[in-house]
Amino acid sequence: MFGLFKKNPVEKLQKEHADLLARAHKMSSVDRTKSDALVAQAADIEARIVELQDQGS
């Protein structure tokens, strides 16, 4: 019953990934170095998403 309200970790990571990419896009016109760092963080999260999805299959 209490498991109904637990978030799927993949969904949480996907939201964080999308947020990082949006921030990187906004930052790209201001500071390219910070934008690249945000894209790198998003790539790390994407790798974790793929790893979790492979484990679930």
PDB file of N, CA and C in Angstrom:
ATOM      1  N   MET A   1       0.815  -1.187   0.000  1.00  0.00           N
ATOM      2  CA  MET A   1       0.000   0.000   0.000  1.00  0.00           C
ATOM      3  C   MET A   1       0.861   1.254   0.000  1.00  0.00           C
ATOM      4  N   PHE A   2       1.955   1.227   0.753  1.00  0.00           N
ATOM      5  CA  PHE A   2       2.802   2.405   0.805  1.00  0.00           C
ATOM      6  C   PHE A   2       3.696   2.517  -0.419  1.00  0.00           C
ATOM      7  N   GLY A   3       3.804   1.444  -1.169  1.00  0.00           N
ATOM      8  CA  GLY A   3       4.600   1.467  -2.381  1.00  0.00           C
ATOM      9  C   GLY A   3       3.945   2.237  -3.514  1.00  0.00           C
ATOM     10  N   LEU A   4       2.672   2.599  -3.347  1.00  0.00           N
ATOM     11  CA  LEU A   4       1.964   3.330  -4.398  1.00  0.00           C
ATOM     12  C   LEU A   4       2.543   4.717  -4.638  1.00  0.00           C
ATOM     13  N   PHE A   5       3.105   5.306  -3.592  1.00  0.00           N
ATOM     14  CA  PHE A   5       3.556   6.680  -3.690  1.00  0.00           C
ATOM     15  C   PHE A   5       5.051   6.808  -3.956  1.00  0.00           C
ATOM     16  N   LYS A   6       5.737   5.686  -4.105  1.00  0.00           N
ATOM     17  CA  LYS A   6       7.163   5.734  -4.417  1.00  0.00           C
ATOM     18  C   LYS A   6       7.352   6.127  -5.867  1.00  0.00           C
ATOM     19  N   LYS A   7       8.342   7.005  -6.087  1.00  0.00           N
ATOM     20  CA  LYS A   7       8.645   7.416  -7.451  1.00  0.00           C
ATOM     21  C   LYS A   7       9.597   6.416  -8.090  1.00  0.00           C
ATOM     22  N   ASN A   8       9.405   6.241  -9.350  1.00  0.00           N
ATOM     23  CA  ASN A   8      10.308   5.409 -10.121  1.00  0.00           C
ATOM     24  C   ASN A   8      11.644   6.160 -10.239  1.00  0.00           C
ATOM     25  N   PRO A   9      12.772   5.546  -9.890  1.00  0.00           N
ATOM     26  CA  PRO A   9      14.050   6.266  -9.962  1.00  0.00           C
ATOM     27  C   PRO A   9      14.398   6.702 -11.386  1.00  0.00           C
ATOM     28  N   VAL A  10      13.952   5.954 -12.377  1.00  0.00           N
ATOM     29  CA  VAL A  10      14.232   6.324 -13.764  1.00  0.00           C
ATOM     30  C   VAL A  10      13.489   7.617 -14.113  1.00  0.00           C
ATOM     31  N   GLU A  11      12.246   7.737 -13.681  1.00  0.00           N
ATOM     32  CA  GLU A  11      11.476   8.952 -13.959  1.00  0.00           C
ATOM     33  C   GLU A  11      12.115  10.172 -13.297  1.00  0.00           C
ATOM     34  N   LYS A  12      12.602   9.991 -12.077  1.00  0.00           N
ATOM     35  CA  LYS A  12      13.265  11.085 -11.370  1.00  0.00           C
ATOM     36  C   LYS A  12      14.525  11.517 -12.121  1.00  0.00           C
ATOM     37  N   LEU A  13      15.303  10.551 -12.579  1.00  0.00           N
ATOM     38  CA  LEU A  13      16.522  10.867 -13.325  1.00  0.00           C
ATOM     39  C   LEU A  13      16.199  11.513 -14.666  1.00  0.00           C
ATOM     40  N   GLN A  14      15.126  11.070 -15.313  1.00  0.00           N
ATOM     41  CA  GLN A  14      14.739  11.670 -16.590  1.00  0.00           C
ATOM     42  C   GLN A  14      14.348  13.134 -16.412  1.00  0.00           C
ATOM     43  N   LYS A  15      13.662  13.435 -15.319  1.00  0.00           N
ATOM     44  CA  LYS A  15      13.283  14.825 -15.044  1.00  0.00           C
ATOM     45  C   LYS A  15      14.525  15.669 -14.795  1.00  0.00           C
ATOM     46  N   GLU A  16      15.454  15.126 -14.008  1.00  0.00           N
ATOM     47  CA  GLU A  16      16.697  15.847 -13.728  1.00  0.00           C
ATOM     48  C   GLU A  16      17.504  16.058 -15.012  1.00  0.00           C
ATOM     49  N   HIS A  17      17.519  15.054 -15.881  1.00  0.00           N
ATOM     50  CA  HIS A  17      18.226  15.129 -17.162  1.00  0.00           C
ATOM     51  C   HIS A  17      17.637  16.247 -18.025  1.00  0.00           C
ATOM     52  N   ALA A  18      16.310  16.283 -18.116  1.00  0.00           N
ATOM     53  CA  ALA A  18      15.651  17.317 -18.915  1.00  0.00           C
ATOM     54  C   ALA A  18      15.918  18.710 -18.347  1.00  0.00           C
ATOM     55  N   ASP A  19      15.922  18.820 -17.013  1.00  0.00           N
ATOM     56  CA  ASP A  19      16.188  20.100 -16.377  1.00  0.00           C
ATOM     57  C   ASP A  19      17.611  20.578 -16.670  1.00  0.00           C
ATOM     58  N   LEU A  20      18.565  19.665 -16.601  1.00  0.00           N
ATOM     59  CA  LEU A  20      19.958  20.032 -16.890  1.00  0.00           C
ATOM     60  C   LEU A  20      20.129  20.484 -18.337  1.00  0.00           C
ATOM     61  N   LEU A  21      19.478  19.791 -19.256  1.00  0.00           N
ATOM     62  CA  LEU A  21      19.590  20.185 -20.661  1.00  0.00           C
ATOM     63  C   LEU A  21      18.947  21.544 -20.909  1.00  0.00           C
ATOM     64  N   ALA A  22      17.839  21.825 -20.239  1.00  0.00           N
ATOM     65  CA  ALA A  22      17.192  23.132 -20.388  1.00  0.00           C
ATOM     66  C   ALA A  22      18.086  24.242 -19.832  1.00  0.00           C
ATOM     67  N   ARG A  23      18.693  23.986 -18.678  1.00  0.00           N
ATOM     68  CA  ARG A  23      19.606  24.979 -18.101  1.00  0.00           C
ATOM     69  C   ARG A  23      20.826  25.178 -18.992  1.00  0.00           C
ATOM     70  N   ALA A  24      21.321  24.099 -19.582  1.00  0.00           N
ATOM     71  CA  ALA A  24      22.482  24.200 -20.472  1.00  0.00           C
ATOM     72  C   ALA A  24      22.139  25.021 -21.707  1.00  0.00           C
ATOM     73  N   HIS A  25      20.943  24.847 -22.215  1.00  0.00           N
ATOM     74  CA  HIS A  25      20.522  25.602 -23.396  1.00  0.00           C
ATOM     75  C   HIS A  25      20.454  27.098 -23.081  1.00  0.00           C
ATOM     76  N   LYS A  26      19.902  27.443 -21.926  1.00  0.00           N
ATOM     77  CA  LYS A  26      19.831  28.855 -21.533  1.00  0.00           C
ATOM     78  C   LYS A  26      21.226  29.433 -21.308  1.00  0.00           C
ATOM     79  N   MET A  27      22.105  28.614 -20.732  1.00  0.00           N
ATOM     80  CA  MET A  27      23.444  29.074 -20.400  1.00  0.00           C
ATOM     81  C   MET A  27      24.342  29.184 -21.623  1.00  0.00           C
ATOM     82  N   SER A  28      23.971  28.517 -22.719  1.00  0.00           N
ATOM     83  CA  SER A  28      24.845  28.485 -23.892  1.00  0.00           C
ATOM     84  C   SER A  28      25.093  29.865 -24.495  1.00  0.00           C
ATOM     85  N   SER A  29      24.171  30.783 -24.311  1.00  0.00           N
ATOM     86  CA  SER A  29      24.377  32.115 -24.864  1.00  0.00           C
ATOM     87  C   SER A  29      25.110  33.034 -23.890  1.00  0.00           C
ATOM     88  N   VAL A  30      25.260  32.588 -22.632  1.00  0.00           N
ATOM     89  CA  VAL A  30      25.902  33.416 -21.620  1.00  0.00           C
ATOM     90  C   VAL A  30      27.322  32.940 -21.335  1.00  0.00           C
ATOM     91  N   ASP A  31      27.448  31.659 -20.999  1.00  0.00           N
ATOM     92  CA  ASP A  31      28.744  31.107 -20.603  1.00  0.00           C
ATOM     93  C   ASP A  31      28.860  29.692 -21.153  1.00  0.00           C
ATOM     94  N   ARG A  32      29.618  29.550 -22.205  1.00  0.00           N
ATOM     95  CA  ARG A  32      29.731  28.275 -22.899  1.00  0.00           C
ATOM     96  C   ARG A  32      30.376  27.188 -22.032  1.00  0.00           C
ATOM     97  N   THR A  33      31.321  27.567 -21.176  1.00  0.00           N
ATOM     98  CA  THR A  33      31.996  26.599 -20.318  1.00  0.00           C
ATOM     99  C   THR A  33      31.015  25.964 -19.330  1.00  0.00           C
ATOM    100  N   LYS A  34      30.179  26.789 -18.707  1.00  0.00           N
ATOM    101  CA  LYS A  34      29.179  26.263 -17.778  1.00  0.00           C
ATOM    102  C   LYS A  34      28.141  25.434 -18.516  1.00  0.00           C
ATOM    103  N   SER A  35      27.807  25.845 -19.721  1.00  0.00           N
ATOM    104  CA  SER A  35      26.865  25.082 -20.532  1.00  0.00           C
ATOM    105  C   SER A  35      27.418  23.696 -20.834  1.00  0.00           C
ATOM    106  N   ASP A  36      28.680  23.630 -21.192  1.00  0.00           N
ATOM    107  CA  ASP A  36      29.314  22.340 -21.473  1.00  0.00           C
ATOM    108  C   ASP A  36      29.365  21.459 -20.227  1.00  0.00           C
ATOM    109  N   ALA A  37      29.588  22.066 -19.056  1.00  0.00           N
ATOM    110  CA  ALA A  37      29.608  21.301 -17.812  1.00  0.00           C
ATOM    111  C   ALA A  37      28.223  20.719 -17.516  1.00  0.00           C
ATOM    112  N   LEU A  38      27.173  21.492 -17.771  1.00  0.00           N
ATOM    113  CA  LEU A  38      25.815  21.005 -17.552  1.00  0.00           C
ATOM    114  C   LEU A  38      25.473  19.864 -18.511  1.00  0.00           C
ATOM    115  N   VAL A  39      25.928  19.980 -19.746  1.00  0.00           N
ATOM    116  CA  VAL A  39      25.691  18.914 -20.722  1.00  0.00           C
ATOM    117  C   VAL A  39      26.429  17.643 -20.303  1.00  0.00           C
ATOM    118  N   ALA A  40      27.618  17.794 -19.745  1.00  0.00           N
ATOM    119  CA  ALA A  40      28.371  16.631 -19.263  1.00  0.00           C
ATOM    120  C   ALA A  40      27.646  15.958 -18.096  1.00  0.00           C
ATOM    121  N   GLN A  41      27.079  16.750 -17.198  1.00  0.00           N
ATOM    122  CA  GLN A  41      26.305  16.189 -16.092  1.00  0.00           C
ATOM    123  C   GLN A  41      25.087  15.446 -16.622  1.00  0.00           C
ATOM    124  N   ALA A  42      24.434  16.026 -17.626  1.00  0.00           N
ATOM    125  CA  ALA A  42      23.264  15.383 -18.231  1.00  0.00           C
ATOM    126  C   ALA A  42      23.664  14.057 -18.874  1.00  0.00           C
ATOM    127  N   ALA A  43      24.830  14.000 -19.487  1.00  0.00           N
ATOM    128  CA  ALA A  43      25.298  12.761 -20.109  1.00  0.00           C
ATOM    129  C   ALA A  43      25.552  11.683 -19.051  1.00  0.00           C
ATOM    130  N   ASP A  44      26.080  12.084 -17.889  1.00  0.00           N
ATOM    131  CA  ASP A  44      26.285  11.122 -16.801  1.00  0.00           C
ATOM    132  C   ASP A  44      24.952  10.560 -16.311  1.00  0.00           C
ATOM    133  N   ILE A  45      23.974  11.427 -16.184  1.00  0.00           N
ATOM    134  CA  ILE A  45      22.652  10.989 -15.738  1.00  0.00           C
ATOM    135  C   ILE A  45      22.023  10.076 -16.781  1.00  0.00           C
ATOM    136  N   GLU A  46      22.218  10.400 -18.052  1.00  0.00           N
ATOM    137  CA  GLU A  46      21.678   9.558 -19.123  1.00  0.00           C
ATOM    138  C   GLU A  46      22.291   8.155 -19.063  1.00  0.00           C
ATOM    139  N   ALA A  47      23.574   8.089 -18.744  1.00  0.00           N
ATOM    140  CA  ALA A  47      24.236   6.782 -18.613  1.00  0.00           C
ATOM    141  C   ALA A  47      23.639   5.992 -17.455  1.00  0.00           C
ATOM    142  N   ARG A  48      23.324   6.672 -16.354  1.00  0.00           N
ATOM    143  CA  ARG A  48      22.689   5.986 -15.224  1.00  0.00           C
ATOM    144  C   ARG A  48      21.288   5.505 -15.580  1.00  0.00           C
ATOM    145  N   ILE A  49      20.558   6.300 -16.354  1.00  0.00           N
ATOM    146  CA  ILE A  49      19.213   5.908 -16.793  1.00  0.00           C
ATOM    147  C   ILE A  49      19.292   4.632 -17.622  1.00  0.00           C
ATOM    148  N   VAL A  50      20.219   4.602 -18.565  1.00  0.00           N
ATOM    149  CA  VAL A  50      20.379   3.426 -19.413  1.00  0.00           C
ATOM    150  C   VAL A  50      20.761   2.218 -18.578  1.00  0.00           C
ATOM    151  N   GLU A  51      21.640   2.409 -17.611  1.00  0.00           N
ATOM    152  CA  GLU A  51      22.055   1.309 -16.743  1.00  0.00           C
ATOM    153  C   GLU A  51      20.872   0.760 -15.945  1.00  0.00           C
ATOM    154  N   LEU A  52      20.043   1.643 -15.397  1.00  0.00           N
ATOM    155  CA  LEU A  52      18.873   1.200 -14.638  1.00  0.00           C
ATOM    156  C   LEU A  52      17.850   0.487 -15.530  1.00  0.00           C
ATOM    157  N   GLN A  53      17.687   0.987 -16.749  1.00  0.00           N
ATOM    158  CA  GLN A  53      16.745   0.356 -17.655  1.00  0.00           C
ATOM    159  C   GLN A  53      17.243  -1.025 -18.086  1.00  0.00           C
ATOM    160  N   ASP A  54      18.549  -1.176 -18.245  1.00  0.00           N
ATOM    161  CA  ASP A  54      19.111  -2.489 -18.605  1.00  0.00           C
ATOM    162  C   ASP A  54      18.946  -3.486 -17.465  1.00  0.00           C
ATOM    163  N   GLN A  55      19.075  -3.017 -16.241  1.00  0.00           N
ATOM    164  CA  GLN A  55      18.907  -3.886 -15.076  1.00  0.00           C
ATOM    165  C   GLN A  55      17.453  -4.332 -14.947  1.00  0.00           C
ATOM    166  N   GLY A  56      16.527  -3.462 -15.309  1.00  0.00           N
ATOM    167  CA  GLY A  56      15.114  -3.784 -15.191  1.00  0.00           C
ATOM    168  C   GLY A  56      14.635  -4.748 -16.259  1.00  0.00           C
ATOM    169  N   SER A  57      15.331  -4.838 -17.360  1.00  0.00           N
ATOM    170  CA  SER A  57      14.898  -5.705 -18.465  1.00  0.00           C
ATOM    171  C   SER A  57      15.228  -7.144 -18.228  1.00  0.00           C
TER     172      SER A  57
END
